[in-house]
Protein backbone atom coordinates (compact mmCIF):
# COMPACT_ATOMS: atom_id res chain seq x y z
CA MET A 1 38.61 118.54 27.44
CA ASN A 2 35.87 119.82 29.72
CA SER A 3 34.14 116.76 31.16
CA LYS A 4 31.08 116.80 33.41
CA LEU A 5 29.42 114.23 35.62
CA ARG A 6 26.11 114.92 37.42
CA LEU A 7 24.61 112.28 39.66
CA SER A 8 21.71 112.43 42.13
CA THR A 9 19.64 109.89 44.06
CA LYS A 10 16.01 109.41 45.08
CA LEU A 11 14.13 107.13 47.44
CA SER A 12 11.67 104.59 46.04
CA PRO A 13 8.30 103.88 47.71
CA THR A 14 9.83 100.65 49.09
CA GLY A 15 12.73 102.50 50.72
CA LYS A 16 15.43 101.61 48.19
CA THR A 17 17.82 104.19 46.76
CA GLN A 18 17.56 104.74 43.02
CA LEU A 19 19.30 106.86 40.43
CA ALA A 20 17.38 110.12 39.97
CA ASP A 21 19.16 112.48 37.57
CA TYR A 22 22.23 111.47 35.63
CA PHE A 23 24.22 113.40 33.06
CA ALA A 24 27.73 112.76 31.77
CA THR A 25 29.96 113.93 28.95
CA PRO A 26 32.90 111.90 27.61
CA PRO A 27 34.91 110.26 28.98
CA PHE A 28 32.64 109.84 32.03
CA LYS A 29 30.00 107.17 32.38
CA VAL A 30 28.15 105.62 35.33
CA MET A 31 27.05 102.00 35.60
CA VAL A 32 24.61 100.72 38.21
CA LEU A 33 25.90 97.56 39.90
CA PRO A 34 24.11 94.80 41.83
CA HIS A 35 23.01 96.10 45.21
CA TYR A 36 24.79 93.37 47.20
CA LEU A 37 28.21 94.71 46.14
CA GLY A 38 27.65 97.94 48.06
CA ILE A 39 28.11 98.47 51.79
CA TRP A 40 24.76 100.14 52.53
CA GLN A 41 21.60 98.08 52.93
CA GLN A 42 18.85 99.27 50.58
CA GLY A 43 21.48 101.53 49.00
CA LEU A 44 22.43 102.23 45.39
CA ASN A 45 25.69 100.69 44.19
CA ALA A 46 27.31 102.35 41.17
CA MET A 47 30.61 102.60 39.31
CA GLN A 48 32.12 105.80 37.94
CA MET A 49 33.82 104.89 34.65
CA SER A 50 36.09 106.67 32.19
CA SER A 51 37.02 105.82 28.62
CA SER A 52 40.12 108.04 28.75
CA PRO A 53 43.66 106.65 29.26
CA GLY A 54 43.99 109.14 32.09
CA VAL A 55 43.93 112.83 32.91
CA LEU A 56 45.45 114.76 30.00
CA ALA A 57 46.85 118.27 29.67
CA GLY A 58 44.11 120.89 29.61
CA ASP A 59 41.46 118.61 31.13
CA LEU A 60 38.89 120.13 33.47
CA LEU A 61 36.89 117.45 35.26
CA ASP A 62 33.70 118.64 36.94
CA ILE A 63 31.91 116.14 39.20
CA GLN A 64 28.71 116.88 41.14
CA ILE A 65 27.00 114.33 43.38
CA SER A 66 23.80 115.00 45.31
CA LEU A 67 22.14 112.55 47.69
CA ALA A 68 18.47 113.00 48.53
CA LYS A 69 17.08 112.63 52.05
CA SER A 70 17.50 109.13 53.57
CA THR A 71 19.24 107.69 50.47
CA ALA A 72 22.51 105.72 50.45
CA LEU A 73 25.13 105.46 47.71
CA SER A 74 28.26 103.35 47.31
CA LEU A 75 30.23 104.89 44.46
CA HIS A 76 33.22 103.00 43.08
CA THR A 77 35.67 103.76 40.27
CA GLN A 78 36.81 101.57 37.41
CA ALA A 79 40.60 101.77 37.61
CA PHE A 80 43.59 103.85 38.63
CA THR A 81 43.52 107.46 37.47
CA ARG A 82 46.76 108.26 35.66
CA VAL A 83 47.76 111.91 35.32
CA GLN A 84 49.73 111.86 32.09
CA ALA A 85 52.87 113.85 31.20
CA MET A 86 52.36 117.51 30.28
CA ASN A 87 54.37 120.32 28.74
CA GLU A 88 55.79 123.02 30.97
CA ASN A 89 52.88 125.45 30.53
CA GLU A 90 50.14 122.82 30.77
CA SER A 91 48.08 121.47 33.67
CA ALA A 92 44.84 119.67 34.52
CA GLU A 93 42.20 120.19 37.19
CA GLN A 94 39.36 118.33 38.87
CA ILE A 95 36.55 119.93 40.88
CA THR A 96 34.25 117.70 42.93
CA GLN A 97 31.14 118.92 44.77
CA ILE A 98 29.08 116.60 46.97
CA HIS A 99 25.90 117.35 48.89
CA LEU A 100 24.37 114.98 51.45
CA ALA A 101 20.76 115.71 52.44
CA GLU A 102 19.51 114.82 55.91
CA GLY A 103 19.82 111.14 56.79
CA SER A 104 21.78 110.21 53.65
CA ARG A 105 24.93 108.06 53.48
CA LEU A 106 27.81 108.02 51.03
CA PHE A 107 30.75 105.67 50.50
CA TYR A 108 33.24 107.05 47.95
CA LEU A 109 36.74 105.59 47.66
CA PRO A 110 38.21 106.26 44.20
CA HIS A 111 41.09 104.16 42.90
CA PRO A 112 44.55 105.63 43.50
CA LEU A 113 45.78 108.66 41.59
CA VAL A 114 49.15 108.10 39.85
CA LEU A 115 51.24 111.16 39.00
CA HIS A 116 53.32 110.56 35.86
CA LYS A 117 56.51 112.40 35.00
CA ASP A 118 56.01 116.16 34.32
CA ALA A 119 52.36 116.07 35.42
CA LEU A 120 50.74 119.10 37.04
CA PHE A 121 47.38 118.35 38.63
CA LYS A 122 45.12 120.33 40.95
CA GLN A 123 42.00 118.99 42.61
CA LYS A 124 39.40 120.65 44.81
CA THR A 125 36.73 118.75 46.73
CA LEU A 126 33.82 120.35 48.57
CA ILE A 127 31.41 118.24 50.63
CA GLU A 128 28.35 119.52 52.49
CA MET A 129 26.61 117.35 55.08
CA GLN A 130 23.20 117.99 56.59
CA PRO A 131 22.23 116.56 60.03
CA ASN A 132 22.33 112.79 60.63
CA THR A 133 24.41 112.11 57.51
CA GLU A 134 27.23 109.59 57.19
CA LEU A 135 30.30 109.75 54.98
CA ILE A 136 33.14 107.33 54.24
CA TYR A 137 35.52 109.10 51.88
CA GLY A 138 39.04 108.13 50.85
CA GLU A 139 41.93 109.32 48.69
CA ILE A 140 45.12 107.50 47.68
CA VAL A 141 47.94 109.18 45.77
CA ALA A 142 51.07 107.60 44.24
CA ILE A 143 54.17 109.78 43.83
CA GLY A 144 54.84 108.36 40.35
CA ARG A 145 55.55 105.15 38.52
CA VAL A 146 58.28 103.90 40.83
CA LEU A 147 59.28 100.96 38.63
CA ASN A 148 59.83 103.46 35.79
CA ASP A 149 62.16 105.49 38.02
CA GLU A 150 59.63 108.31 38.27
CA ARG A 151 59.69 108.99 42.00
CA PHE A 152 58.61 112.62 42.46
CA ALA A 153 59.13 113.28 38.75
CA PHE A 154 55.82 115.19 38.47
CA ARG A 155 55.92 119.00 38.51
CA GLN A 156 53.17 119.77 41.00
CA PHE A 157 50.26 118.22 42.85
CA SER A 158 47.76 120.07 45.01
CA SER A 159 44.64 118.74 46.70
CA HIS A 160 42.18 120.81 48.73
CA LEU A 161 39.44 119.04 50.67
CA ASN A 162 36.80 120.99 52.60
CA ILE A 163 33.88 119.33 54.39
CA TYR A 164 31.13 121.39 56.01
CA GLY A 165 28.26 120.54 58.30
CA LEU A 166 24.94 122.19 57.48
CA GLN A 167 22.44 123.12 60.16
CA HIS A 168 18.67 123.10 59.76
CA ASP A 169 18.69 126.87 59.33
CA GLY A 170 21.12 126.61 56.41
CA LYS A 171 24.18 127.83 58.30
CA LYS A 172 27.35 125.84 57.76
CA TYR A 173 30.46 125.23 59.80
CA PRO A 174 33.75 123.46 58.95
CA LEU A 175 34.19 119.79 59.81
CA VAL A 176 37.39 118.99 57.87
CA SER A 177 39.91 121.10 56.00
CA ASP A 178 42.82 119.24 54.43
CA CYS A 179 45.43 120.48 51.98
CA ILE A 180 48.28 118.72 50.17
CA GLN A 181 50.87 120.76 48.28
CA TRP A 182 53.71 118.91 46.58
CA HIS A 183 56.36 120.77 44.59
CA PRO A 184 59.18 118.24 44.11
CA THR A 185 61.70 120.77 42.75
CA THR A 186 61.36 123.12 45.74
CA MET A 187 60.36 120.77 48.60
CA ASN A 188 62.21 117.92 50.28
CA LEU A 189 59.36 115.43 50.09
CA THR A 190 61.48 112.53 51.40
CA ALA A 191 62.19 114.35 54.67
CA LEU A 192 60.96 113.21 58.08
CA SER A 193 57.21 113.91 58.48
CA GLN A 194 56.87 114.09 54.69
CA MET A 195 56.74 111.00 52.46
CA GLU A 196 60.13 109.71 53.72
CA ASN A 197 60.89 106.54 51.71
CA TYR A 198 57.24 105.70 50.99
CA SER A 199 55.61 105.97 47.57
CA HIS A 200 51.87 106.02 48.39
CA GLN A 201 49.80 108.18 50.71
CA GLY A 202 46.22 107.47 51.73
CA SER A 203 43.58 109.27 53.77
CA LEU A 204 40.27 107.81 54.91
CA ILE A 205 37.67 110.04 56.56
CA TYR A 206 34.67 108.74 58.47
CA LEU A 207 32.08 111.34 59.43
CA ASN A 208 28.84 110.49 61.18
CA ARG A 209 26.73 113.44 62.30
CA GLY A 210 24.52 111.09 64.29
CA LYS A 211 27.26 109.67 66.54
CA SER A 212 28.27 111.08 69.91
CA ALA A 213 31.87 111.83 70.86
CA VAL A 214 31.83 108.87 73.25
CA GLU A 215 30.69 106.50 70.49
CA LEU A 216 33.36 107.79 68.09
CA LYS A 217 36.05 107.38 70.73
CA GLY A 218 35.01 103.76 71.20
CA ILE A 219 35.21 103.15 67.45
CA LEU A 220 38.66 104.77 67.37
CA GLN A 221 39.94 102.48 70.11
CA ARG A 222 38.83 99.44 68.12
CA ILE A 223 40.51 100.86 65.00
CA HIS A 224 43.77 101.21 66.92
CA THR A 225 43.49 97.55 67.90
CA HIS A 226 42.85 96.63 64.24
CA ILE A 227 45.91 98.47 62.90
CA ALA A 228 48.29 97.70 65.78
CA GLU A 229 49.74 94.64 64.03
CA GLU A 230 50.42 96.42 60.73
CA LYS A 231 54.11 96.05 59.80
CA THR A 232 54.42 97.04 56.12
CA MET A 233 52.63 100.40 56.28
CA LEU A 234 52.76 103.41 58.56
CA VAL A 235 49.20 103.93 59.84
CA GLY A 236 47.71 106.47 62.21
CA ALA A 237 44.14 107.20 63.28
CA SER A 238 42.72 110.05 65.32
CA LEU A 239 39.49 111.81 66.18
CA LEU A 240 38.55 114.85 64.17
CA ASN A 241 37.53 118.02 65.95
CA GLY A 242 33.96 116.85 65.71
CA ASP A 243 31.73 114.13 64.25
CA GLY A 244 34.39 111.81 62.88
CA ILE A 245 37.68 109.97 62.52
CA ILE A 246 40.58 110.27 60.09
CA VAL A 247 43.03 107.50 59.12
CA ARG A 248 46.35 108.32 57.46
CA VAL A 249 48.54 105.74 55.73
CA LEU A 250 51.97 105.72 54.10
CA GLY A 251 52.89 102.62 52.12
CA HIS A 252 54.93 101.16 49.27
CA ARG A 253 52.02 99.80 47.23
CA ALA A 254 48.47 100.86 46.52
CA GLU A 255 46.73 97.52 47.00
CA PRO A 256 47.42 97.10 50.76
CA ILE A 257 46.14 100.64 51.40
CA GLN A 258 43.00 99.93 49.35
CA ASN A 259 42.42 96.67 51.23
CA LEU A 260 42.83 98.37 54.59
CA PHE A 261 40.41 101.15 53.65
CA HIS A 262 37.79 98.66 52.47
CA GLN A 263 38.19 96.69 55.69
CA LEU A 264 37.70 99.84 57.75
CA ALA A 265 34.75 100.92 55.57
CA ASN A 266 32.99 97.62 56.26
CA TYR A 267 33.88 97.99 59.92
CA PHE A 268 32.34 101.47 60.07
CA GLN A 269 29.22 100.14 58.38
CA GLU A 270 28.97 97.35 60.96
CA GLU A 271 29.28 99.93 63.73
CA ILE A 272 26.40 101.90 62.20
CA LYS A 273 23.96 98.99 62.40
């Protein structure tokens, strides 16, 4: 199934973010939520929904999100995304494109992706950020249904994330480039520096093109203090080459990673005020 989701924002005369253009084909749907559930003041709070039991063989998911100047969006998802079993010659793909106009802010932390036995899934994410934009973006991936004895039973998973900064003259330069390639039959994914004995991997990226390097370093130091007492997960945080911070997590369950990311997202938002 070829499924499309188009979502854009606009600014109301009173300074609130509203839904501008919206188009979706099954199984996608978007629901606007009460504003107080989002993390941005005066922002739009919405939920990305799906009526499908998961990602099926042959699916091509095409998501495009565009934020207008000075708007803010908190975009949530409904539930875990399950990549279902596929035949040997089958696969599924998701392409996500996000554009942040000057002064806009986006929080996007989808529910974890669960790779079922024999699944083959590829995803590509492209994000473009104009000056003075802010982004909190996260991904969590589970290596399979562990309780069903499906550790690394999927066939392949690849994820390519590229984030670019846009200048006023239209030129762009790379901010983040991240790639995951998992081939369980040809790679030792339980080795040191890989997944080891963990079953869930999470990444949280905070980019703020209005913050200085000194300010970001101060935020990072406070993050290190926040995660120093963590005992059940392996957590690391570091500065990106410019404009942001990345947090990496390995854990045994999805919920603690989700909770940590939401805590940090609220913390970033407090730092912005």
